[in-house]
C-alpha atoms as a PDB file:
ATOM      1  CA  MET A   1      72.939 147.836 144.550  1.00  0.00           C
ATOM      2  CA  ASN A   2      70.692 145.068 143.173  1.00  0.00           C
ATOM      3  CA  LEU A   3      68.318 147.652 141.690  1.00  0.00           C
ATOM      4  CA  HIS A   4      71.201 149.372 139.954  1.00  0.00           C
ATOM      5  CA  ILE A   5      72.507 146.106 138.478  1.00  0.00           C
ATOM      6  CA  LYS A   6      69.092 145.000 137.226  1.00  0.00           C
ATOM      7  CA  ASN A   7      68.212 148.356 135.696  1.00  0.00           C
ATOM      8  CA  ASP A   8      71.513 148.839 133.899  1.00  0.00           C
ATOM      9  CA  SER A   9      72.125 145.272 132.723  1.00  0.00           C
ATOM     10  CA  GLY A  10      69.845 145.795 129.717  1.00  0.00           C
ATOM     11  CA  PHE A  11      71.954 148.720 128.558  1.00  0.00           C
ATOM     12  CA  LEU A  12      75.146 146.684 129.009  1.00  0.00           C
ATOM     13  CA  ALA A  13      73.654 144.018 126.706  1.00  0.00           C
ATOM     14  CA  LEU A  14      73.026 146.559 123.934  1.00  0.00           C
ATOM     15  CA  ALA A  15      75.540 145.025 121.505  1.00  0.00           C
ATOM     16  CA  VAL A  16      74.031 141.583 122.055  1.00  0.00           C
ATOM     17  CA  ARG A  17      70.553 142.973 121.489  1.00  0.00           C
ATOM     18  CA  MET A  18      71.477 144.731 118.244  1.00  0.00           C
ATOM     19  CA  VAL A  19      73.352 141.797 116.749  1.00  0.00           C
ATOM     20  CA  ILE A  20      70.830 139.114 117.664  1.00  0.00           C
ATOM     21  CA  GLY A  21      68.020 141.385 116.485  1.00  0.00           C
ATOM     22  CA  TRP A  22      69.631 141.883 113.099  1.00  0.00           C
ATOM     23  CA  THR A  23      70.380 138.155 112.843  1.00  0.00           C
ATOM     24  CA  TYR A  24      66.674 137.372 112.889  1.00  0.00           C
ATOM     25  CA  PHE A  25      65.379 140.445 111.052  1.00  0.00           C
ATOM     26  CA  SER A  26      67.905 139.846 108.266  1.00  0.00           C
ATOM     27  CA  ALA A  27      66.283 136.470 107.575  1.00  0.00           C
ATOM     28  CA  PHE A  28      63.043 138.311 106.796  1.00  0.00           C
ATOM     29  CA  PHE A  29      64.988 140.958 104.832  1.00  0.00           C
ATOM     30  CA  ARG A  30      66.829 138.387 102.696  1.00  0.00           C
ATOM     31  CA  ARG A  31      63.749 136.352 101.825  1.00  0.00           C
ATOM     32  CA  THR A  32      61.459 139.248 100.956  1.00  0.00           C
ATOM     33  CA  ILE A  33      63.570 142.237  99.907  1.00  0.00           C
ATOM     34  CA  LEU A  34      66.926 141.012  98.582  1.00  0.00           C
ATOM     35  CA  ALA A  35      65.513 137.891  96.936  1.00  0.00           C
ATOM     36  CA  ASN A  36      62.182 136.112  96.702  1.00  0.00           C
ATOM     37  CA  LYS A  37      62.792 132.954  98.708  1.00  0.00           C
ATOM     38  CA  LEU A  38      59.119 132.388  99.539  1.00  0.00           C
ATOM     39  CA  ASP A  39      58.027 131.426  96.030  1.00  0.00           C
ATOM     40  CA  PRO A  40      57.885 127.607  95.705  1.00  0.00           C
ATOM     41  CA  GLU A  41      58.438 127.910  91.957  1.00  0.00           C
ATOM     42  CA  LEU A  42      61.754 129.793  92.209  1.00  0.00           C
ATOM     43  CA  PRO A  43      65.245 128.460  93.006  1.00  0.00           C
ATOM     44  CA  GLY A  44      66.262 129.047  96.611  1.00  0.00           C
ATOM     45  CA  TYR A  45      62.754 128.473  98.028  1.00  0.00           C
ATOM     46  CA  ILE A  46      63.096 128.337 101.813  1.00  0.00           C
ATOM     47  CA  GLY A  47      60.814 125.290 101.946  1.00  0.00           C
ATOM     48  CA  GLU A  48      63.394 123.207 100.103  1.00  0.00           C
ATOM     49  CA  LYS A  49      66.067 124.401 102.546  1.00  0.00           C
ATOM     50  CA  PHE A  50      63.740 123.293 105.343  1.00  0.00           C
ATOM     51  CA  ASN A  51      63.553 119.880 103.671  1.00  0.00           C
ATOM     52  CA  HIS A  52      67.330 119.613 104.004  1.00  0.00           C
ATOM     53  CA  PHE A  53      66.907 119.549 107.792  1.00  0.00           C
ATOM     54  CA  LEU A  54      64.833 116.365 107.724  1.00  0.00           C
ATOM     55  CA  PRO A  55      67.294 113.442 107.736  1.00  0.00           C
ATOM     56  CA  ASN A  56      69.006 114.094 111.091  1.00  0.00           C
ATOM     57  CA  ALA A  57      66.705 116.518 112.920  1.00  0.00           C
ATOM     58  CA  LEU A  58      66.511 115.911 116.672  1.00  0.00           C
ATOM     59  CA  GLY A  59      63.090 115.549 118.295  1.00  0.00           C
ATOM     60  CA  ILE A  60      61.129 117.519 115.666  1.00  0.00           C
ATOM     61  CA  LYS A  61      61.686 115.209 112.701  1.00  0.00           C
ATOM     62  CA  PRO A  62      57.989 114.113 112.504  1.00  0.00           C
ATOM     63  CA  ILE A  63      56.919 117.774 112.271  1.00  0.00           C
ATOM     64  CA  ILE A  64      59.383 118.496 109.472  1.00  0.00           C
ATOM     65  CA  GLN A  65      58.368 115.330 107.610  1.00  0.00           C
ATOM     66  CA  TYR A  66      54.685 116.246 107.823  1.00  0.00           C
ATOM     67  CA  LEU A  67      55.355 119.721 106.447  1.00  0.00           C
ATOM     68  CA  VAL A  68      57.542 118.630 103.519  1.00  0.00           C
ATOM     69  CA  GLU A  69      54.958 115.988 102.612  1.00  0.00           C
ATOM     70  CA  ASN A  70      52.295 118.703 102.461  1.00  0.00           C
ATOM     71  CA  PRO A  71      53.642 121.573 100.308  1.00  0.00           C
ATOM     72  CA  ASP A  72      50.663 123.912 100.841  1.00  0.00           C
ATOM     73  CA  ILE A  73      50.897 123.696 104.624  1.00  0.00           C
ATOM     74  CA  LEU A  74      54.672 124.036 104.386  1.00  0.00           C
ATOM     75  CA  TYR A  75      54.301 127.251 102.362  1.00  0.00           C
ATOM     76  CA  TYR A  76      52.021 128.919 104.907  1.00  0.00           C
ATOM     77  CA  ASN A  77      54.337 127.882 107.722  1.00  0.00           C
ATOM     78  CA  MET A  78      57.382 129.281 105.919  1.00  0.00           C
ATOM     79  CA  VAL A  79      55.586 132.602 105.406  1.00  0.00           C
ATOM     80  CA  ALA A  80      54.505 132.716 109.057  1.00  0.00           C
ATOM     81  CA  PHE A  81      57.980 131.712 110.234  1.00  0.00           C
ATOM     82  CA  THR A  82      59.554 134.475 108.140  1.00  0.00           C
ATOM     83  CA  ILE A  83      57.138 137.114 109.448  1.00  0.00           C
ATOM     84  CA  ILE A  84      57.766 136.031 113.029  1.00  0.00           C
ATOM     85  CA  GLU A  85      61.527 136.260 112.499  1.00  0.00           C
ATOM     86  CA  GLY A  86      61.082 139.773 111.090  1.00  0.00           C
ATOM     87  CA  ILE A  87      58.909 140.958 113.978  1.00  0.00           C
ATOM     88  CA  VAL A  88      61.110 139.399 116.654  1.00  0.00           C
ATOM     89  CA  GLY A  89      64.292 140.806 115.127  1.00  0.00           C
ATOM     90  CA  LEU A  90      62.888 144.316 114.627  1.00  0.00           C
ATOM     91  CA  PHE A  91      61.376 144.514 118.115  1.00  0.00           C
ATOM     92  CA  ILE A  92      64.641 143.283 119.649  1.00  0.00           C
ATOM     93  CA  ILE A  93      66.644 145.938 117.780  1.00  0.00           C
ATOM     94  CA  PHE A  94      64.349 148.721 118.981  1.00  0.00           C
ATOM     95  CA  GLY A  95      63.989 147.234 122.448  1.00  0.00           C
ATOM     96  CA  LEU A  96      60.187 146.937 122.398  1.00  0.00           C
ATOM     97  CA  PHE A  97      58.568 144.204 124.495  1.00  0.00           C
ATOM     98  CA  THR A  98      62.077 142.886 124.865  1.00  0.00           C
ATOM     99  CA  ARG A  99      61.433 139.981 127.227  1.00  0.00           C
ATOM    100  CA  LEU A 100      58.558 138.668 125.126  1.00  0.00           C
ATOM    101  CA  MET A 101      60.728 138.903 122.006  1.00  0.00           C
ATOM    102  CA  SER A 102      63.611 137.208 123.852  1.00  0.00           C
ATOM    103  CA  ILE A 103      61.319 134.212 124.307  1.00  0.00           C
ATOM    104  CA  GLY A 104      60.801 134.347 120.537  1.00  0.00           C
ATOM    105  CA  VAL A 105      64.577 134.383 120.037  1.00  0.00           C
ATOM    106  CA  PHE A 106      64.913 131.392 122.378  1.00  0.00           C
ATOM    107  CA  GLY A 107      62.199 129.464 120.511  1.00  0.00           C
ATOM    108  CA  LEU A 108      63.473 130.287 117.028  1.00  0.00           C
ATOM    109  CA  ALA A 109      67.020 129.355 118.023  1.00  0.00           C
ATOM    110  CA  MET A 110      65.788 126.085 119.543  1.00  0.00           C
ATOM    111  CA  GLY A 111      64.093 125.256 116.255  1.00  0.00           C
ATOM    112  CA  ILE A 112      67.307 125.997 114.346  1.00  0.00           C
ATOM    113  CA  LEU A 113      69.327 123.885 116.755  1.00  0.00           C
ATOM    114  CA  LEU A 114      67.049 120.833 116.753  1.00  0.00           C
ATOM    115  CA  GLY A 115      66.269 120.993 113.049  1.00  0.00           C
ATOM    116  CA  SER A 116      69.596 121.855 111.477  1.00  0.00           C
ATOM    117  CA  GLY A 117      72.236 121.705 114.203  1.00  0.00           C
ATOM    118  CA  TRP A 118      73.889 118.837 112.327  1.00  0.00           C
ATOM    119  CA  ILE A 119      74.463 120.912 109.168  1.00  0.00           C
ATOM    120  CA  GLY A 120      77.686 122.821 108.500  1.00  0.00           C
ATOM    121  CA  THR A 121      80.003 122.144 105.596  1.00  0.00           C
ATOM    122  CA  THR A 122      83.226 123.771 106.777  1.00  0.00           C
ATOM    123  CA  CYS A 123      82.378 124.281 110.456  1.00  0.00           C
ATOM    124  CA  LEU A 124      79.579 123.508 112.899  1.00  0.00           C
ATOM    125  CA  ASP A 125      77.622 126.418 111.451  1.00  0.00           C
ATOM    126  CA  GLU A 126      73.965 125.777 112.274  1.00  0.00           C
ATOM    127  CA  TRP A 127      74.749 124.256 115.673  1.00  0.00           C
ATOM    128  CA  GLN A 128      76.681 127.359 116.699  1.00  0.00           C
ATOM    129  CA  ILE A 129      73.887 129.649 115.500  1.00  0.00           C
ATOM    130  CA  GLY A 130      71.344 127.622 117.466  1.00  0.00           C
ATOM    131  CA  VAL A 131      73.133 127.408 120.808  1.00  0.00           C
ATOM    132  CA  LEU A 132      74.273 131.048 120.721  1.00  0.00           C
ATOM    133  CA  GLY A 133      70.727 132.146 119.916  1.00  0.00           C
ATOM    134  CA  ILE A 134      69.364 130.186 122.872  1.00  0.00           C
ATOM    135  CA  ALA A 135      71.984 131.669 125.214  1.00  0.00           C
ATOM    136  CA  THR A 136      71.427 135.238 124.058  1.00  0.00           C
ATOM    137  CA  GLY A 137      67.658 134.835 124.218  1.00  0.00           C
ATOM    138  CA  PHE A 138      67.993 133.775 127.852  1.00  0.00           C
ATOM    139  CA  VAL A 139      70.310 136.703 128.642  1.00  0.00           C
ATOM    140  CA  LEU A 140      67.915 139.231 127.085  1.00  0.00           C
ATOM    141  CA  PHE A 141      65.018 137.746 129.039  1.00  0.00           C
ATOM    142  CA  LEU A 142      66.944 138.388 132.245  1.00  0.00           C
ATOM    143  CA  THR A 143      68.177 141.871 131.333  1.00  0.00           C
ATOM    144  CA  GLY A 144      65.383 143.345 129.245  1.00  0.00           C
ATOM    145  CA  SER A 145      66.372 146.523 127.410  1.00  0.00           C
ATOM    146  CA  GLY A 146      68.175 149.360 129.131  1.00  0.00           C
ATOM    147  CA  ARG A 147      68.053 153.088 128.629  1.00  0.00           C
ATOM    148  CA  PHE A 148      68.564 152.881 124.846  1.00  0.00           C
ATOM    149  CA  SER A 149      65.201 151.264 123.966  1.00  0.00           C
ATOM    150  CA  LEU A 150      61.527 151.929 123.293  1.00  0.00           C
ATOM    151  CA  ASP A 151      60.629 150.009 126.443  1.00  0.00           C
ATOM    152  CA  ASN A 152      62.613 152.517 128.483  1.00  0.00           C
ATOM    153  CA  TYR A 153      61.159 155.454 126.543  1.00  0.00           C
ATOM    154  CA  LEU A 154      57.609 154.301 127.266  1.00  0.00           C
ATOM    155  CA  MET A 155      58.410 153.786 130.943  1.00  0.00           C
ATOM    156  CA  ASN A 156      59.924 157.273 131.203  1.00  0.00           C
ATOM    157  CA  LYS A 157      56.769 158.714 129.596  1.00  0.00           C
ATOM    158  CA  ASN A 158      54.698 156.898 132.230  1.00  0.00           C
ATOM    159  CA  VAL A 159      52.568 155.150 129.627  1.00  0.00           C
ATOM    160  CA  ALA A 160      49.819 153.413 131.581  1.00  0.00           C
ATOM    161  CA  PHE A 161      50.486 149.800 130.595  1.00  0.00           C
ATOM    162  CA  THR A 162      54.153 150.032 131.618  1.00  0.00           C
ATOM    163  CA  LYS A 163      52.913 150.267 135.223  1.00  0.00           C
ATOM    164  CA  LYS A 164      51.237 146.872 134.954  1.00  0.00           C
ATOM    165  CA  LYS A 165      52.940 143.805 136.374  1.00  0.00           C
ATOM    166  CA  TRP A 166      52.711 141.970 133.055  1.00  0.00           C
ATOM    167  CA  PHE A 167      54.893 144.596 131.363  1.00  0.00           C
ATOM    168  CA  ALA A 168      57.795 143.724 133.647  1.00  0.00           C
ATOM    169  CA  TRP A 169      57.487 140.128 132.396  1.00  0.00           C
ATOM    170  CA  LEU A 170      57.073 141.006 128.710  1.00  0.00           C
ATOM    171  CA  GLY A 171      58.889 144.331 128.371  1.00  0.00           C
ATOM    172  CA  SER A 172      61.803 145.656 130.426  1.00  0.00           C
ATOM    173  CA  GLY A 173      62.594 147.243 133.743  1.00  0.00           C
ATOM    174  CA  LEU A 174      63.180 145.656 137.133  1.00  0.00           C
ATOM    175  CA  HIS A 175      62.686 141.927 136.719  1.00  0.00           C
ATOM    176  CA  PRO A 176      59.652 140.637 138.634  1.00  0.00           C
ATOM    177  CA  ILE A 177      61.473 137.499 139.777  1.00  0.00           C
ATOM    178  CA  LYS A 178      62.025 137.783 143.518  1.00  0.00           C
ATOM    179  CA  ASP A 179      65.556 138.623 144.598  1.00  0.00           C
ATOM    180  CA  ASN A 180      65.999 135.372 146.527  1.00  0.00           C
ATOM    181  CA  LEU A 181      65.097 133.384 143.383  1.00  0.00           C
ATOM    182  CA  PHE A 182      66.791 135.520 140.754  1.00  0.00           C
ATOM    183  CA  GLY A 183      70.269 134.069 141.264  1.00  0.00           C
ATOM    184  CA  LYS A 184      68.896 130.513 141.175  1.00  0.00           C
ATOM    185  CA  VAL A 185      67.076 131.196 137.902  1.00  0.00           C
ATOM    186  CA  VAL A 186      70.304 132.521 136.383  1.00  0.00           C
ATOM    187  CA  ILE A 187      72.356 129.521 137.540  1.00  0.00           C
ATOM    188  CA  VAL A 188      69.776 126.847 136.671  1.00  0.00           C
ATOM    189  CA  GLY A 189      68.991 128.391 133.291  1.00  0.00           C
ATOM    190  CA  SER A 190      72.660 128.850 132.423  1.00  0.00           C
ATOM    191  CA  PHE A 191      73.612 125.286 133.260  1.00  0.00           C
ATOM    192  CA  PHE A 192      70.554 123.929 131.457  1.00  0.00           C
ATOM    193  CA  ILE A 193      71.656 125.765 128.312  1.00  0.00           C
ATOM    194  CA  LEU A 194      75.224 124.531 128.812  1.00  0.00           C
ATOM    195  CA  GLY A 195      73.919 120.973 129.146  1.00  0.00           C
ATOM    196  CA  LEU A 196      71.836 121.368 125.990  1.00  0.00           C
ATOM    197  CA  THR A 197      74.900 122.722 124.203  1.00  0.00           C
ATOM    198  CA  LEU A 198      77.110 119.806 125.226  1.00  0.00           C
ATOM    199  CA  TYR A 199      74.390 117.229 124.509  1.00  0.00           C
ATOM    200  CA  THR A 200      73.635 118.481 120.998  1.00  0.00           C
ATOM    201  CA  ASN A 201      77.345 118.927 120.266  1.00  0.00           C
ATOM    202  CA  GLN A 202      77.847 115.244 121.032  1.00  0.00           C
ATOM    203  CA  VAL A 203      74.712 113.975 119.255  1.00  0.00           C
ATOM    204  CA  PHE A 204      75.239 115.960 116.076  1.00  0.00           C
ATOM    205  CA  HIS A 205      79.017 116.010 115.834  1.00  0.00           C
ATOM    206  CA  GLY A 206      80.650 113.737 118.416  1.00  0.00           C
ATOM    207  CA  GLY A 207      82.153 116.844 119.960  1.00  0.00           C
ATOM    208  CA  LEU A 208      82.799 115.437 123.465  1.00  0.00           C
ATOM    209  CA  TRP A 209      83.985 111.862 122.970  1.00  0.00           C
ATOM    210  CA  GLY A 210      84.244 109.240 120.248  1.00  0.00           C
ATOM    211  CA  THR A 211      84.861 110.105 116.639  1.00  0.00           C
ATOM    212  CA  LEU A 212      84.354 113.727 115.618  1.00  0.00           C
ATOM    213  CA  HIS A 213      82.158 113.764 112.524  1.00  0.00           C
ATOM    214  CA  ASN A 214      80.514 116.186 110.118  1.00  0.00           C
ATOM    215  CA  LYS A 215      77.504 114.813 108.272  1.00  0.00           C
ATOM    216  CA  SER A 216      77.580 117.694 105.799  1.00  0.00           C
ATOM    217  CA  VAL A 217      80.799 116.723 104.033  1.00  0.00           C
ATOM    218  CA  LYS A 218      80.092 113.495 102.119  1.00  0.00           C
ATOM    219  CA  PRO A 219      76.829 112.378 100.500  1.00  0.00           C
ATOM    220  CA  LYS A 220      75.114 109.328 101.906  1.00  0.00           C
ATOM    221  CA  LEU A 221      72.110 107.529 100.436  1.00  0.00           C
ATOM    222  CA  GLU A 222      69.756 105.056 102.069  1.00  0.00           C
ATOM    223  CA  ILE A 223      68.167 102.453  99.776  1.00  0.00           C
ATOM    224  CA  THR A 224      64.996 100.793 101.123  1.00  0.00           C
ATOM    225  CA  GLU A 225      61.752  99.125 100.014  1.00  0.00           C
ATOM    226  CA  GLY A 226      63.480  97.250  97.186  1.00  0.00           C
ATOM    227  CA  LYS A 227      61.225  95.030  95.052  1.00  0.00           C
ATOM    228  CA  LEU A 228      61.716  92.839  91.988  1.00  0.00           C
ATOM    229  CA  ASP A 229      58.443  91.583  90.558  1.00  0.00           C
ATOM    230  CA  LYS A 230      56.347  91.479  87.404  1.00  0.00           C
ATOM    231  CA  ASN A 231      56.322  95.288  87.328  1.00  0.00           C
ATOM    232  CA  GLY A 232      60.105  95.529  87.303  1.00  0.00           C
ATOM    233  CA  LEU A 233      62.532  96.972  89.845  1.00  0.00           C
ATOM    234  CA  SER A 234      61.386  99.561  92.371  1.00  0.00           C
ATOM    235  CA  PHE A 235      63.110 101.011  95.418  1.00  0.00           C
ATOM    236  CA  ASP A 236      63.183 104.070  97.652  1.00  0.00           C
ATOM    237  CA  VAL A 237      66.285 106.249  97.812  1.00  0.00           C
ATOM    238  CA  PHE A 238      66.728 108.876 100.532  1.00  0.00           C
ATOM    239  CA  ARG A 239      69.724 111.208 100.797  1.00  0.00           C
ATOM    240  CA  VAL A 240      70.481 111.645 104.495  1.00  0.00           C
ATOM    241  CA  GLU A 241      73.919 113.312 104.563  1.00  0.00           C
ATOM    242  CA  GLY A 242      76.180 115.603 102.560  1.00  0.00           C
ATOM    243  CA  VAL A 243      76.422 119.215 101.479  1.00  0.00           C
ATOM    244  CA  ASP A 244      73.061 120.985 101.556  1.00  0.00           C
ATOM    245  CA  VAL A 245      73.774 123.476  98.755  1.00  0.00           C
ATOM    246  CA  TYR A 246      74.068 120.910  95.962  1.00  0.00           C
ATOM    247  CA  GLY A 247      72.989 117.357  95.270  1.00  0.00           C
ATOM    248  CA  ALA A 248      74.615 113.999  95.015  1.00  0.00           C
ATOM    249  CA  TRP A 249      75.212 113.182  91.351  1.00  0.00           C
ATOM    250  CA  ILE A 250      74.380 109.554  90.610  1.00  0.00           C
ATOM    251  CA  ILE A 251      76.169 108.323  87.489  1.00  0.00           C
ATOM    252  CA  GLY A 252      75.450 104.619  87.721  1.00  0.00           C
ATOM    253  CA  ILE A 253      72.789 102.160  88.902  1.00  0.00           C
ATOM    254  CA  GLU A 254      73.699  98.484  88.644  1.00  0.00           C
ATOM    255  CA  LEU A 255      71.886  95.285  89.461  1.00  0.00           C
ATOM    256  CA  LYS A 256      74.119  92.267  90.083  1.00  0.00           C
ATOM    257  CA  ASP A 257      73.265  88.606  90.516  1.00  0.00           C
ATOM    258  CA  LYS A 258      74.529  86.440  93.371  1.00  0.00           C
ATOM    259  CA  ASN A 259      77.770  85.762  91.452  1.00  0.00           C
ATOM    260  CA  GLY A 260      78.532  89.464  91.040  1.00  0.00           C
ATOM    261  CA  ASN A 261      77.637  89.593  87.370  1.00  0.00           C
ATOM    262  CA  VAL A 262      75.988  92.826  86.193  1.00  0.00           C
ATOM    263  CA  VAL A 263      72.572  91.949  84.781  1.00  0.00           C
ATOM    264  CA  THR A 264      71.284  95.514  84.396  1.00  0.00           C
ATOM    265  CA  ASN A 265      73.219  98.758  84.183  1.00  0.00           C
ATOM    266  CA  TYR A 266      71.896 102.319  83.945  1.00  0.00           C
ATOM    267  CA  THR A 267      74.720 104.518  82.675  1.00  0.00           C
ATOM    268  CA  GLN A 268      75.366 108.189  83.376  1.00  0.00           C
ATOM    269  CA  ASN A 269      73.706 109.230  80.121  1.00  0.00           C
ATOM    270  CA  GLN A 270      70.641 107.087  80.767  1.00  0.00           C
ATOM    271  CA  LEU A 271      70.220 108.496  84.277  1.00  0.00           C
ATOM    272  CA  ALA A 272      70.479 112.032  82.925  1.00  0.00           C
ATOM    273  CA  ASN A 273      67.533 111.251  80.660  1.00  0.00           C
ATOM    274  CA  LEU A 274      65.224 109.285  82.938  1.00  0.00           C
ATOM    275  CA  PRO A 275      61.596 110.196  82.248  1.00  0.00           C
ATOM    276  CA  GLU A 276      59.755 111.949  85.067  1.00  0.00           C
ATOM    277  CA  HIS A 277      57.179 109.200  85.538  1.00  0.00           C
ATOM    278  CA  VAL A 278      59.765 106.719  86.845  1.00  0.00           C
ATOM    279  CA  ILE A 279      60.663 109.055  89.747  1.00  0.00           C
ATOM    280  CA  ASP A 280      57.950 109.414  92.406  1.00  0.00           C
ATOM    281  CA  ASN A 281      59.095 112.075  94.889  1.00  0.00           C
ATOM    282  CA  TYR A 282      57.838 112.150  98.472  1.00  0.00           C
ATOM    283  CA  TYR A 283      58.961 115.621  99.592  1.00  0.00           C
ATOM    284  CA  ILE A 284      59.428 119.197  98.413  1.00  0.00           C
ATOM    285  CA  ALA A 285      63.131 118.589  97.643  1.00  0.00           C
ATOM    286  CA  LYS A 286      63.001 116.481  94.490  1.00  0.00           C
ATOM    287  CA  ILE A 287      65.203 113.856  92.888  1.00  0.00           C
ATOM    288  CA  LYS A 288      65.403 114.566  89.167  1.00  0.00           C
ATOM    289  CA  SER A 289      67.449 114.006  86.052  1.00  0.00           C
ATOM    290  CA  GLY A 290      70.090 116.659  85.434  1.00  0.00           C
ATOM    291  CA  LYS A 291      72.287 117.519  82.492  1.00  0.00           C
ATOM    292  CA  HIS A 292      74.892 114.868  83.278  1.00  0.00           C
ATOM    293  CA  SER A 293      73.447 112.628  86.009  1.00  0.00           C
ATOM    294  CA  LEU A 294      70.592 111.837  88.359  1.00  0.00           C
ATOM    295  CA  ILE A 295      70.554 114.616  90.988  1.00  0.00           C
ATOM    296  CA  VAL A 296      69.658 113.776  94.597  1.00  0.00           C
ATOM    297  CA  PRO A 297      69.389 116.859  96.884  1.00  0.00           C
ATOM    298  CA  LEU A 298      69.878 116.600 100.643  1.00  0.00           C
ATOM    299  CA  GLY A 299      66.672 115.426 102.308  1.00  0.00           C
ATOM    300  CA  ALA A 300      65.098 114.283  99.024  1.00  0.00           C
ATOM    301  CA  LYS A 301      63.375 110.899  98.929  1.00  0.00           C
ATOM    302  CA  ALA A 302      61.758 109.189  95.965  1.00  0.00           C
ATOM    303  CA  LYS A 303      60.645 105.836  94.669  1.00  0.00           C
ATOM    304  CA  LEU A 304      62.403 104.848  91.448  1.00  0.00           C
ATOM    305  CA  LYS A 305      60.583 102.419  89.149  1.00  0.00           C
ATOM    306  CA  LEU A 306      62.720 100.758  86.459  1.00  0.00           C
ATOM    307  CA  ASN A 307      61.214  98.164  84.118  1.00  0.00           C
ATOM    308  CA  THR A 308      63.439  97.380  81.172  1.00  0.00           C
ATOM    309  CA  SER A 309      62.935  94.042  79.405  1.00  0.00           C
ATOM    310  CA  THR A 310      66.121  92.733  81.036  1.00  0.00           C
ATOM    311  CA  ILE A 311      64.754  93.427  84.516  1.00  0.00           C
ATOM    312  CA  LEU A 312      61.332  91.947  83.734  1.00  0.00           C
ATOM    313  CA  ASN A 313      62.863  88.662  82.542  1.00  0.00           C
ATOM    314  CA  LEU A 314      65.223  88.076  85.468  1.00  0.00           C
ATOM    315  CA  PRO A 315      64.971  84.653  87.139  1.00  0.00           C
ATOM    316  CA  ARG A 316      64.160  84.324  90.842  1.00  0.00           C
ATOM    317  CA  GLY A 317      67.038  84.892  93.217  1.00  0.00           C
ATOM    318  CA  THR A 318      68.890  87.453  95.307  1.00  0.00           C
ATOM    319  CA  TYR A 319      70.322  90.497  93.593  1.00  0.00           C
ATOM    320  CA  THR A 320      72.445  93.440  94.709  1.00  0.00           C
ATOM    321  CA  LEU A 321      71.441  96.963  93.770  1.00  0.00           C
ATOM    322  CA  LYS A 322      74.337  99.450  93.616  1.00  0.00           C
ATOM    323  CA  MET A 323      74.148 103.230  93.175  1.00  0.00           C
ATOM    324  CA  THR A 324      77.346 105.155  92.408  1.00  0.00           C
ATOM    325  CA  ASP A 325      78.012 108.865  92.939  1.00  0.00           C
ATOM    326  CA  ILE A 326      80.318 110.888  90.699  1.00  0.00           C
ATOM    327  CA  SER A 327      82.743 111.113  93.641  1.00  0.00           C
ATOM    328  CA  GLY A 328      83.190 107.342  93.522  1.00  0.00           C
ATOM    329  CA  ALA A 329      81.122 106.672  96.642  1.00  0.00           C
ATOM    330  CA  SER A 330      78.586 103.889  96.264  1.00  0.00           C
ATOM    331  CA  TRP A 331      75.732 102.343  98.219  1.00  0.00           C
ATOM    332  CA  GLU A 332      74.291  98.824  97.973  1.00  0.00           C
ATOM    333  CA  ARG A 333      71.132  96.974  98.920  1.00  0.00           C
ATOM    334  CA  GLN A 334      70.159  93.318  98.481  1.00  0.00           C
ATOM    335  CA  ILE A 335      66.835  92.625  96.789  1.00  0.00           C
ATOM    336  CA  THR A 336      65.108  89.249  96.458  1.00  0.00           C
ATOM    337  CA  LYS A 337      62.798  88.289  93.633  1.00  0.00           C
END
């Protein structure tokens, strides 16, 4: 009975195998066939999308930051990542080395979950993709591919390497885990994935208790490293929340004295025409002047350096820097000269 269940379970998971395989292969297909998303000079470059993950990534934030600070290394990693997705997806669809590819599915889905599980404008999009990918990767590792697969075809043809013990671990067929341990592996693995699902749901979205939140809805900027000195006003601005498909549009930057009086004001038109040399970007996603405002994409961070005569001649004291988005949202930071 156990042999029958183990041998046929891969065939019963055929729909899962086909869908999850296409999910990953389609990423390769989109970026290389339907559109060129691997060219850093073209809109839609996957590296900039990767940069969007940075602000609230879980556990792998230092890796993402290193890559977006080093565009050449990021490019090679994006190419490798895309090729791996294509290979994993295609092999899963055809059922070739299914258990090895299921580990690839598990790893790719874990990367999606930890990197972008917090992103999802209308729903918990990336989180759902991540946790479902992890769960299906685990299921395919347990089942392998059934009768409708290249693994099964090679086994039926008695190809020599399919007789090796390693093929049972990396391909398909009767799982090499001992019968008395198999059930424990299923239970422990399933509840581990459930725990990971609940944990990330809470961390990213408050899905279990507290206030339910979606960090992809409203833009949020962090203003740090503010300085007022003989060189003028400089500060870092980092967009950490909001929709990933378009930027925050900054239409006003004000500097107020301790009495609330505006001593310097950059208007919408001035921000739309800021020269490039006053914006020093840190990452691949870049803050830049647009047609009607200063555009701040998700995950972008830059140092702004403003040095009008008014700023240079300010007396010593504490000032408040205020940045205003076109939506009316604003963010403030105190700066001392």
